[in-house]
Amino acid sequence: MPHVVLNGDVKLREVFDRLKPVTSRDQDVILKTLKKYIDDEEKSILTEALVIEKSKKIAFLALLSSREDGFVVRIYPGSSVEKTDGVKRVLAEIAKQLLGTFPSLKVGKTNLQDFL
């Protein structure tokens, strides 16, 4: 499952408040994130994501969830989403945005290194 762990001491509420939509168009690939939601305990954020590549639409939920050492950006578990390069790029773009917004964050374990 594609994921990026971001290590550091940042509250998920701060992430939610500063998370901006991803919008990218590159040749035949469009990446977007739309609405975002945070749970009552402020431990998880869901954001609607859309990838259009090779005229194929892929809609899914990206999940940012708290961990003791920071949080992880990944596809919402149980989703049956094709893990295309576009899907991986959306997750990486979210992570890159947060790395730029919160300088104290560092990349931990990931299988998306090629997209960061």
N, C-alpha and C. Protein backbone atom coordinates (compact mmCIF):
# COMPACT_ATOMS: atom_id res chain seq x y z
N MET A 1 0.85 -1.17 0.00
CA MET A 1 0.00 0.00 0.00
C MET A 1 0.90 1.25 0.00
N PRO A 2 0.71 2.18 -0.92
CA PRO A 2 1.55 3.38 -0.95
C PRO A 2 1.33 4.25 0.29
N HIS A 3 2.43 4.74 0.85
CA HIS A 3 2.32 5.56 2.06
C HIS A 3 3.60 6.39 2.27
N VAL A 4 3.43 7.46 3.04
CA VAL A 4 4.56 8.28 3.49
C VAL A 4 4.36 8.56 4.97
N VAL A 5 5.34 8.21 5.78
CA VAL A 5 5.31 8.56 7.20
C VAL A 5 6.06 9.88 7.35
N LEU A 6 5.43 10.83 8.01
CA LEU A 6 6.06 12.11 8.31
C LEU A 6 6.30 12.16 9.81
N ASN A 7 7.56 12.18 10.20
CA ASN A 7 7.94 12.18 11.61
C ASN A 7 8.11 13.61 12.10
N GLY A 8 7.59 13.86 13.29
CA GLY A 8 7.72 15.18 13.90
C GLY A 8 6.57 15.44 14.84
N ASP A 9 6.69 16.51 15.59
CA ASP A 9 5.68 16.85 16.59
C ASP A 9 4.79 17.97 16.06
N VAL A 10 3.80 17.57 15.26
CA VAL A 10 2.83 18.52 14.72
C VAL A 10 1.44 17.96 15.01
N LYS A 11 0.59 18.78 15.55
CA LYS A 11 -0.79 18.36 15.85
C LYS A 11 -1.58 18.24 14.54
N LEU A 12 -2.39 17.20 14.46
CA LEU A 12 -3.17 16.98 13.26
C LEU A 12 -4.16 18.11 13.00
N ARG A 13 -4.63 18.77 14.03
CA ARG A 13 -5.52 19.93 13.85
C ARG A 13 -4.79 21.03 13.08
N GLU A 14 -3.49 21.26 13.39
CA GLU A 14 -2.70 22.25 12.66
C GLU A 14 -2.55 21.84 11.20
N VAL A 15 -2.33 20.56 10.97
CA VAL A 15 -2.23 20.06 9.61
C VAL A 15 -3.53 20.33 8.86
N PHE A 16 -4.65 19.99 9.48
CA PHE A 16 -5.95 20.20 8.85
C PHE A 16 -6.16 21.67 8.51
N ASP A 17 -5.85 22.55 9.45
CA ASP A 17 -6.07 23.98 9.23
C ASP A 17 -5.21 24.55 8.11
N ARG A 18 -4.04 23.97 7.87
CA ARG A 18 -3.10 24.53 6.89
C ARG A 18 -3.00 23.72 5.60
N LEU A 19 -3.70 22.58 5.54
CA LEU A 19 -3.68 21.74 4.36
C LEU A 19 -4.43 22.42 3.22
N LYS A 20 -3.76 22.60 2.11
CA LYS A 20 -4.35 23.25 0.93
C LYS A 20 -4.67 22.18 -0.12
N PRO A 21 -5.62 22.48 -1.00
CA PRO A 21 -5.92 21.52 -2.08
C PRO A 21 -4.73 21.32 -3.00
N VAL A 22 -4.58 20.09 -3.47
CA VAL A 22 -3.56 19.78 -4.48
C VAL A 22 -4.23 19.95 -5.84
N THR A 23 -3.58 20.67 -6.71
CA THR A 23 -4.05 20.82 -8.08
C THR A 23 -2.84 20.76 -8.99
N SER A 24 -2.83 19.78 -9.88
CA SER A 24 -1.68 19.62 -10.77
C SER A 24 -2.16 19.07 -12.11
N ARG A 25 -1.65 19.66 -13.17
CA ARG A 25 -1.94 19.14 -14.51
C ARG A 25 -0.62 19.03 -15.25
N ASP A 26 -0.33 17.83 -15.71
CA ASP A 26 0.93 17.57 -16.40
C ASP A 26 0.64 16.63 -17.57
N GLN A 27 0.69 17.13 -18.77
CA GLN A 27 0.38 16.37 -19.98
C GLN A 27 -1.00 15.73 -19.86
N ASP A 28 -1.07 14.40 -19.79
CA ASP A 28 -2.35 13.69 -19.74
C ASP A 28 -2.81 13.38 -18.33
N VAL A 29 -2.16 13.93 -17.31
CA VAL A 29 -2.47 13.57 -15.92
C VAL A 29 -2.96 14.80 -15.15
N ILE A 30 -4.11 14.63 -14.51
CA ILE A 30 -4.65 15.67 -13.63
C ILE A 30 -4.76 15.09 -12.23
N LEU A 31 -4.25 15.85 -11.25
CA LEU A 31 -4.32 15.45 -9.84
C LEU A 31 -5.05 16.53 -9.08
N LYS A 32 -6.00 16.15 -8.24
CA LYS A 32 -6.73 17.12 -7.42
C LYS A 32 -7.09 16.50 -6.09
N THR A 33 -7.07 17.35 -5.06
CA THR A 33 -7.75 16.98 -3.82
C THR A 33 -8.85 17.99 -3.64
N LEU A 34 -9.92 17.55 -3.04
CA LEU A 34 -11.11 18.38 -2.92
C LEU A 34 -11.40 18.66 -1.45
N LYS A 35 -12.54 18.26 -0.98
CA LYS A 35 -12.92 18.52 0.41
C LYS A 35 -12.07 17.71 1.38
N LYS A 36 -11.97 18.24 2.61
CA LYS A 36 -11.24 17.54 3.66
C LYS A 36 -12.09 17.49 4.91
N TYR A 37 -11.86 16.47 5.71
CA TYR A 37 -12.64 16.23 6.93
C TYR A 37 -11.69 15.79 8.03
N ILE A 38 -12.00 16.18 9.27
CA ILE A 38 -11.23 15.72 10.42
C ILE A 38 -12.19 15.08 11.41
N ASP A 39 -11.75 14.02 12.06
CA ASP A 39 -12.62 13.34 13.01
C ASP A 39 -12.69 14.12 14.33
N ASP A 40 -13.66 13.79 15.15
CA ASP A 40 -13.90 14.50 16.41
C ASP A 40 -12.70 14.47 17.35
N GLU A 41 -11.94 13.40 17.32
CA GLU A 41 -10.79 13.27 18.21
C GLU A 41 -9.52 13.92 17.64
N GLU A 42 -9.62 14.44 16.42
CA GLU A 42 -8.51 15.09 15.73
C GLU A 42 -7.31 14.16 15.59
N LYS A 43 -7.61 12.91 15.26
CA LYS A 43 -6.58 11.89 15.05
C LYS A 43 -6.47 11.47 13.59
N SER A 44 -7.48 11.80 12.76
CA SER A 44 -7.49 11.39 11.35
C SER A 44 -8.08 12.49 10.48
N ILE A 45 -7.50 12.63 9.30
CA ILE A 45 -8.02 13.54 8.29
C ILE A 45 -8.30 12.72 7.04
N LEU A 46 -9.44 12.94 6.43
CA LEU A 46 -9.75 12.36 5.12
C LEU A 46 -9.81 13.50 4.12
N THR A 47 -9.26 13.29 2.95
CA THR A 47 -9.41 14.25 1.87
C THR A 47 -9.78 13.50 0.60
N GLU A 48 -10.77 14.04 -0.11
CA GLU A 48 -11.20 13.44 -1.36
C GLU A 48 -10.12 13.70 -2.41
N ALA A 49 -9.75 12.68 -3.15
CA ALA A 49 -8.72 12.83 -4.17
C ALA A 49 -9.25 12.33 -5.51
N LEU A 50 -8.80 12.98 -6.57
CA LEU A 50 -9.20 12.61 -7.92
C LEU A 50 -7.96 12.60 -8.80
N VAL A 51 -7.81 11.52 -9.55
CA VAL A 51 -6.72 11.38 -10.51
C VAL A 51 -7.35 11.07 -11.86
N ILE A 52 -6.95 11.80 -12.88
CA ILE A 52 -7.37 11.48 -14.24
C ILE A 52 -6.09 11.26 -15.02
N GLU A 53 -5.90 10.02 -15.47
CA GLU A 53 -4.73 9.70 -16.28
C GLU A 53 -5.14 8.74 -17.38
N LYS A 54 -4.66 9.04 -18.57
CA LYS A 54 -5.01 8.24 -19.74
C LYS A 54 -6.52 8.14 -19.89
N SER A 55 -7.21 9.27 -19.67
CA SER A 55 -8.67 9.38 -19.79
C SER A 55 -9.42 8.49 -18.81
N LYS A 56 -8.76 8.01 -17.76
CA LYS A 56 -9.39 7.15 -16.75
C LYS A 56 -9.47 7.94 -15.45
N LYS A 57 -10.66 8.00 -14.84
CA LYS A 57 -10.86 8.68 -13.56
C LYS A 57 -10.71 7.70 -12.41
N ILE A 58 -9.94 8.12 -11.41
CA ILE A 58 -9.80 7.34 -10.19
C ILE A 58 -10.10 8.28 -9.02
N ALA A 59 -11.16 7.99 -8.29
CA ALA A 59 -11.52 8.78 -7.11
C ALA A 59 -11.29 7.92 -5.88
N PHE A 60 -10.70 8.52 -4.84
CA PHE A 60 -10.43 7.78 -3.61
C PHE A 60 -10.29 8.75 -2.45
N LEU A 61 -10.20 8.21 -1.25
CA LEU A 61 -9.97 9.01 -0.06
C LEU A 61 -8.53 8.82 0.40
N ALA A 62 -7.84 9.93 0.60
CA ALA A 62 -6.50 9.90 1.20
C ALA A 62 -6.69 10.08 2.70
N LEU A 63 -5.95 9.31 3.47
CA LEU A 63 -6.04 9.34 4.93
C LEU A 63 -4.73 9.84 5.52
N LEU A 64 -4.84 10.80 6.41
CA LEU A 64 -3.70 11.24 7.22
C LEU A 64 -4.06 10.85 8.64
N SER A 65 -3.29 9.95 9.23
CA SER A 65 -3.63 9.48 10.57
C SER A 65 -2.44 9.61 11.51
N SER A 66 -2.76 10.00 12.75
CA SER A 66 -1.75 10.21 13.79
C SER A 66 -1.06 8.92 14.17
N ARG A 67 0.21 9.07 14.53
CA ARG A 67 1.02 8.00 15.11
C ARG A 67 1.82 8.65 16.23
N GLU A 68 2.45 7.84 17.05
CA GLU A 68 3.25 8.40 18.15
C GLU A 68 4.40 9.26 17.64
N ASP A 69 4.96 8.90 16.50
CA ASP A 69 6.12 9.61 15.96
C ASP A 69 5.77 10.64 14.88
N GLY A 70 4.48 10.91 14.67
CA GLY A 70 4.06 11.87 13.64
C GLY A 70 2.73 11.43 13.05
N PHE A 71 2.71 11.27 11.74
CA PHE A 71 1.50 10.78 11.09
C PHE A 71 1.86 10.15 9.74
N VAL A 72 0.89 9.45 9.16
CA VAL A 72 1.09 8.76 7.89
C VAL A 72 0.08 9.26 6.88
N VAL A 73 0.52 9.37 5.62
CA VAL A 73 -0.34 9.74 4.49
C VAL A 73 -0.47 8.48 3.64
N ARG A 74 -1.72 8.03 3.42
CA ARG A 74 -1.94 6.80 2.66
C ARG A 74 -3.35 6.76 2.10
N ILE A 75 -3.65 5.73 1.35
CA ILE A 75 -5.00 5.50 0.85
C ILE A 75 -5.83 4.96 2.01
N TYR A 76 -7.08 5.41 2.10
CA TYR A 76 -7.97 4.92 3.16
C TYR A 76 -8.04 3.39 3.08
N PRO A 77 -7.78 2.71 4.21
CA PRO A 77 -7.77 1.24 4.21
C PRO A 77 -9.12 0.65 3.76
N GLY A 78 -9.04 -0.43 3.07
CA GLY A 78 -10.25 -1.10 2.60
C GLY A 78 -10.73 -0.58 1.26
N SER A 79 -10.10 0.50 0.78
CA SER A 79 -10.47 1.03 -0.53
C SER A 79 -9.91 0.12 -1.60
N SER A 80 -10.68 -0.07 -2.62
CA SER A 80 -10.18 -0.87 -3.74
C SER A 80 -9.81 0.11 -4.84
N VAL A 81 -8.58 0.61 -4.75
CA VAL A 81 -8.09 1.64 -5.65
C VAL A 81 -6.87 1.09 -6.38
N GLU A 82 -6.87 1.27 -7.69
CA GLU A 82 -5.69 0.89 -8.46
C GLU A 82 -4.55 1.84 -8.09
N LYS A 83 -3.42 1.29 -7.73
CA LYS A 83 -2.29 2.10 -7.25
C LYS A 83 -1.43 2.55 -8.42
N THR A 84 -1.99 3.46 -9.23
CA THR A 84 -1.29 3.97 -10.40
C THR A 84 -0.26 5.01 -9.98
N ASP A 85 0.59 5.43 -10.91
CA ASP A 85 1.55 6.49 -10.60
C ASP A 85 0.83 7.77 -10.19
N GLY A 86 -0.32 8.06 -10.81
CA GLY A 86 -1.07 9.26 -10.44
C GLY A 86 -1.57 9.22 -9.01
N VAL A 87 -2.06 8.07 -8.58
CA VAL A 87 -2.52 7.91 -7.19
C VAL A 87 -1.34 8.10 -6.24
N LYS A 88 -0.22 7.50 -6.57
CA LYS A 88 0.97 7.65 -5.73
C LYS A 88 1.44 9.10 -5.70
N ARG A 89 1.34 9.79 -6.84
CA ARG A 89 1.76 11.19 -6.90
C ARG A 89 0.88 12.09 -6.03
N VAL A 90 -0.43 11.83 -5.97
CA VAL A 90 -1.30 12.63 -5.10
C VAL A 90 -0.85 12.51 -3.65
N LEU A 91 -0.60 11.29 -3.20
CA LEU A 91 -0.15 11.09 -1.82
C LEU A 91 1.18 11.80 -1.58
N ALA A 92 2.09 11.68 -2.53
CA ALA A 92 3.39 12.35 -2.40
C ALA A 92 3.25 13.87 -2.41
N GLU A 93 2.34 14.40 -3.22
CA GLU A 93 2.13 15.85 -3.27
C GLU A 93 1.59 16.37 -1.93
N ILE A 94 0.70 15.61 -1.31
CA ILE A 94 0.21 15.99 0.02
C ILE A 94 1.39 16.03 1.00
N ALA A 95 2.20 14.99 0.98
CA ALA A 95 3.36 14.92 1.88
C ALA A 95 4.33 16.07 1.62
N LYS A 96 4.63 16.35 0.34
CA LYS A 96 5.56 17.43 0.01
C LYS A 96 5.03 18.78 0.49
N GLN A 97 3.73 18.99 0.32
CA GLN A 97 3.13 20.24 0.79
C GLN A 97 3.33 20.40 2.29
N LEU A 98 3.10 19.33 3.04
CA LEU A 98 3.23 19.39 4.49
C LEU A 98 4.68 19.55 4.92
N LEU A 99 5.60 18.93 4.20
CA LEU A 99 7.03 19.11 4.51
C LEU A 99 7.43 20.57 4.31
N GLY A 100 6.86 21.23 3.32
CA GLY A 100 7.14 22.65 3.09
C GLY A 100 6.46 23.55 4.10
N THR A 101 5.31 23.14 4.59
CA THR A 101 4.53 23.95 5.54
C THR A 101 5.07 23.82 6.96
N PHE A 102 5.52 22.63 7.32
CA PHE A 102 6.01 22.35 8.67
C PHE A 102 7.47 21.89 8.58
N PRO A 103 8.42 22.82 8.69
CA PRO A 103 9.84 22.46 8.54
C PRO A 103 10.35 21.44 9.55
N SER A 104 9.65 21.25 10.66
CA SER A 104 10.10 20.28 11.66
C SER A 104 9.81 18.84 11.24
N LEU A 105 8.96 18.64 10.22
CA LEU A 105 8.65 17.28 9.76
C LEU A 105 9.77 16.72 8.91
N LYS A 106 9.98 15.43 9.04
CA LYS A 106 10.97 14.69 8.25
C LYS A 106 10.31 13.44 7.68
N VAL A 107 10.76 13.03 6.51
CA VAL A 107 10.23 11.81 5.91
C VAL A 107 10.76 10.60 6.67
N GLY A 108 9.84 9.75 7.09
CA GLY A 108 10.19 8.49 7.73
C GLY A 108 10.08 7.37 6.71
N LYS A 109 9.47 6.27 7.11
CA LYS A 109 9.30 5.14 6.20
C LYS A 109 8.35 5.51 5.07
N THR A 110 8.72 5.12 3.87
CA THR A 110 7.87 5.37 2.72
C THR A 110 8.21 4.40 1.60
N ASN A 111 7.23 4.14 0.76
CA ASN A 111 7.49 3.41 -0.45
C ASN A 111 7.20 4.31 -1.66
N LEU A 112 7.20 5.61 -1.41
CA LEU A 112 6.96 6.60 -2.47
C LEU A 112 8.15 7.51 -2.70
N GLN A 113 9.34 7.05 -2.32
CA GLN A 113 10.54 7.89 -2.42
C GLN A 113 10.73 8.46 -3.83
N ASP A 114 10.40 7.68 -4.85
CA ASP A 114 10.58 8.14 -6.23
C ASP A 114 9.66 9.30 -6.59
N PHE A 115 8.61 9.53 -5.79
CA PHE A 115 7.65 10.59 -6.08
C PHE A 115 7.84 11.83 -5.20
N LEU A 116 8.74 11.74 -4.24
CA LEU A 116 8.97 12.87 -3.31
C LEU A 116 10.05 13.80 -3.81
